[in-house]
Amino acid sequence: MPHCSGKSCWHWKTPQILRNDAIGQGVEFGNKGAAALFWQAGTVGSISADRAACVMFNGNPGQGTLAVSEPTQGAESVSVTLAGTKYRRITSGSGATLTLDAQGNTVVTIRTAGLLGATVEIGLHR
């Protein structure tokens, strides 16, 4: 970790590798944050994407932040499902819609057309 030496960063948890294969790569940072790179549609830990995407999520049951980019620059949108979450509204960011799937998981669809691979950051709230 940056700026850590000796015992000064004892509170940082070692990232847990969730997946590292042809579907995607991902790590979890404690119980609040995760990062995933999807080569194709799939699931990494509790995050699923419907196509190639770069996704970071940091949250708790009350609020969260989702950052998504579509690196191929060819898709109109990317849908990301956050299993085990039930966010009800988007509190910041633009170009996204929020729904719940049949199991009650949060699904955020981000419009990526014309963004040239730029990251969209979305605030979520229960």
Protein backbone atom coordinates (compact mmCIF):
# COMPACT_ATOMS: atom_id res chain seq x y z
CA MET A 1 0.00 0.00 0.00
CA PRO A 2 1.24 3.52 -0.72
CA HIS A 3 2.92 5.34 2.19
CA CYS A 4 2.88 2.24 4.41
CA SER A 5 5.85 0.98 6.31
CA GLY A 6 6.18 -1.50 9.13
CA LYS A 7 3.17 -1.53 11.40
CA SER A 8 1.72 1.80 10.21
CA CYS A 9 -0.86 0.14 7.96
CA TRP A 10 -1.96 -2.79 10.09
CA HIS A 11 -5.62 -1.90 9.41
CA TRP A 12 -5.37 -2.53 5.64
CA LYS A 13 -6.70 -5.91 4.63
CA THR A 14 -4.90 -7.92 2.00
CA PRO A 15 -6.97 -7.92 -1.20
CA GLN A 16 -8.68 -11.25 -1.86
CA ILE A 17 -8.51 -12.50 -5.45
CA LEU A 18 -12.04 -13.32 -6.60
CA ARG A 19 -11.34 -14.43 -10.15
CA ASN A 20 -8.48 -14.51 -12.65
CA ASP A 21 -9.42 -16.25 -15.89
CA ALA A 22 -10.78 -15.70 -19.40
CA ILE A 23 -14.03 -14.21 -18.05
CA GLY A 24 -12.45 -11.59 -15.83
CA GLN A 25 -10.13 -10.55 -13.07
CA GLY A 26 -11.18 -9.14 -9.74
CA VAL A 27 -10.23 -8.44 -6.16
CA GLU A 28 -12.11 -7.58 -3.00
CA PHE A 29 -10.82 -5.10 -0.44
CA GLY A 30 -12.32 -6.12 2.90
CA ASN A 31 -16.10 -6.26 2.94
CA LYS A 32 -16.83 -2.88 1.34
CA GLY A 33 -14.92 -2.59 -1.91
CA ALA A 34 -14.19 -4.58 -5.03
CA ALA A 35 -12.64 -4.03 -8.45
CA ALA A 36 -13.30 -6.16 -11.51
CA LEU A 37 -12.18 -6.25 -15.11
CA PHE A 38 -14.52 -8.20 -17.36
CA TRP A 39 -13.18 -9.53 -20.66
CA GLN A 40 -16.74 -10.63 -21.51
CA ALA A 41 -20.11 -10.99 -19.79
CA GLY A 42 -19.73 -12.74 -16.46
CA THR A 43 -19.51 -12.53 -12.70
CA VAL A 44 -16.62 -11.63 -10.41
CA GLY A 45 -17.55 -12.03 -6.75
CA SER A 46 -20.84 -10.20 -6.23
CA ILE A 47 -20.48 -8.05 -9.37
CA SER A 48 -21.79 -9.07 -12.78
CA ALA A 49 -21.50 -7.25 -16.10
CA ASP A 50 -23.31 -7.93 -19.36
CA ARG A 51 -20.20 -7.25 -21.48
CA ALA A 52 -16.55 -6.21 -21.31
CA ALA A 53 -16.18 -3.52 -18.64
CA CYS A 54 -14.01 -2.11 -15.88
CA VAL A 55 -15.94 -1.85 -12.60
CA MET A 56 -15.13 -0.58 -9.12
CA PHE A 57 -17.64 -0.70 -6.28
CA ASN A 58 -17.37 0.61 -2.75
CA GLY A 59 -20.40 0.46 -0.51
CA ASN A 60 -22.46 -0.70 2.39
CA PRO A 61 -26.19 -1.49 2.70
CA GLY A 62 -27.07 2.24 2.96
CA GLN A 63 -25.00 3.85 0.22
CA GLY A 64 -22.37 3.06 -2.36
CA THR A 65 -20.29 4.30 -5.25
CA LEU A 66 -20.05 2.49 -8.57
CA ALA A 67 -17.48 3.45 -11.23
CA VAL A 68 -17.78 1.87 -14.68
CA SER A 69 -15.99 2.22 -18.00
CA GLU A 70 -16.46 0.36 -21.26
CA PRO A 71 -12.94 -0.01 -22.69
CA THR A 72 -13.90 -1.40 -26.10
CA GLN A 73 -15.73 1.88 -26.85
CA GLY A 74 -18.20 -0.10 -28.95
CA ALA A 75 -21.23 -0.60 -26.72
CA GLU A 76 -24.18 1.73 -26.26
CA SER A 77 -24.44 0.75 -22.60
CA VAL A 78 -23.18 -1.58 -19.87
CA SER A 79 -25.39 -3.20 -17.25
CA VAL A 80 -23.81 -4.03 -13.89
CA THR A 81 -25.54 -6.14 -11.26
CA LEU A 82 -24.55 -5.84 -7.61
CA ALA A 83 -25.69 -9.07 -5.94
CA GLY A 84 -26.92 -8.76 -2.38
CA THR A 85 -27.66 -5.04 -2.62
CA LYS A 86 -30.99 -3.24 -2.84
CA TYR A 87 -30.21 0.36 -3.68
CA ARG A 88 -33.30 2.35 -4.61
CA ARG A 89 -31.97 5.53 -6.21
CA ILE A 90 -29.04 7.21 -7.90
CA THR A 91 -27.79 10.18 -5.88
CA SER A 92 -25.00 11.47 -8.12
CA GLY A 93 -23.68 11.01 -11.62
CA SER A 94 -25.55 11.01 -14.90
CA GLY A 95 -26.32 8.72 -17.80
CA ALA A 96 -27.45 5.77 -15.69
CA THR A 97 -30.66 4.04 -14.68
CA LEU A 98 -31.28 1.82 -11.66
CA THR A 99 -33.62 -1.17 -11.38
CA LEU A 100 -33.92 -4.28 -9.23
CA ASP A 101 -33.80 -7.71 -10.86
CA ALA A 102 -36.16 -10.61 -10.04
CA GLN A 103 -33.97 -11.53 -7.03
CA GLY A 104 -33.98 -7.96 -5.71
CA ASN A 105 -30.36 -7.21 -6.68
CA THR A 106 -29.39 -3.74 -7.86
CA VAL A 107 -28.90 -3.40 -11.64
CA VAL A 108 -27.34 -0.19 -12.93
CA THR A 109 -27.30 0.44 -16.66
CA ILE A 110 -24.80 3.07 -17.76
CA ARG A 111 -24.96 4.74 -21.15
CA THR A 112 -21.43 4.50 -22.58
CA ALA A 113 -21.93 5.59 -26.21
CA GLY A 114 -19.64 8.47 -27.09
CA LEU A 115 -17.67 8.38 -23.84
CA LEU A 116 -14.50 7.06 -25.52
CA GLY A 117 -13.85 4.69 -22.61
CA ALA A 118 -14.18 7.37 -19.91
CA THR A 119 -15.30 6.30 -16.44
CA VAL A 120 -18.78 7.11 -15.18
CA GLU A 121 -19.13 7.37 -11.39
CA ILE A 122 -22.56 6.80 -9.88
CA GLY A 123 -23.64 7.39 -6.27
CA LEU A 124 -26.19 4.91 -4.92
CA HIS A 125 -28.50 5.12 -1.93
CA ARG A 126 -30.98 2.85 -0.27
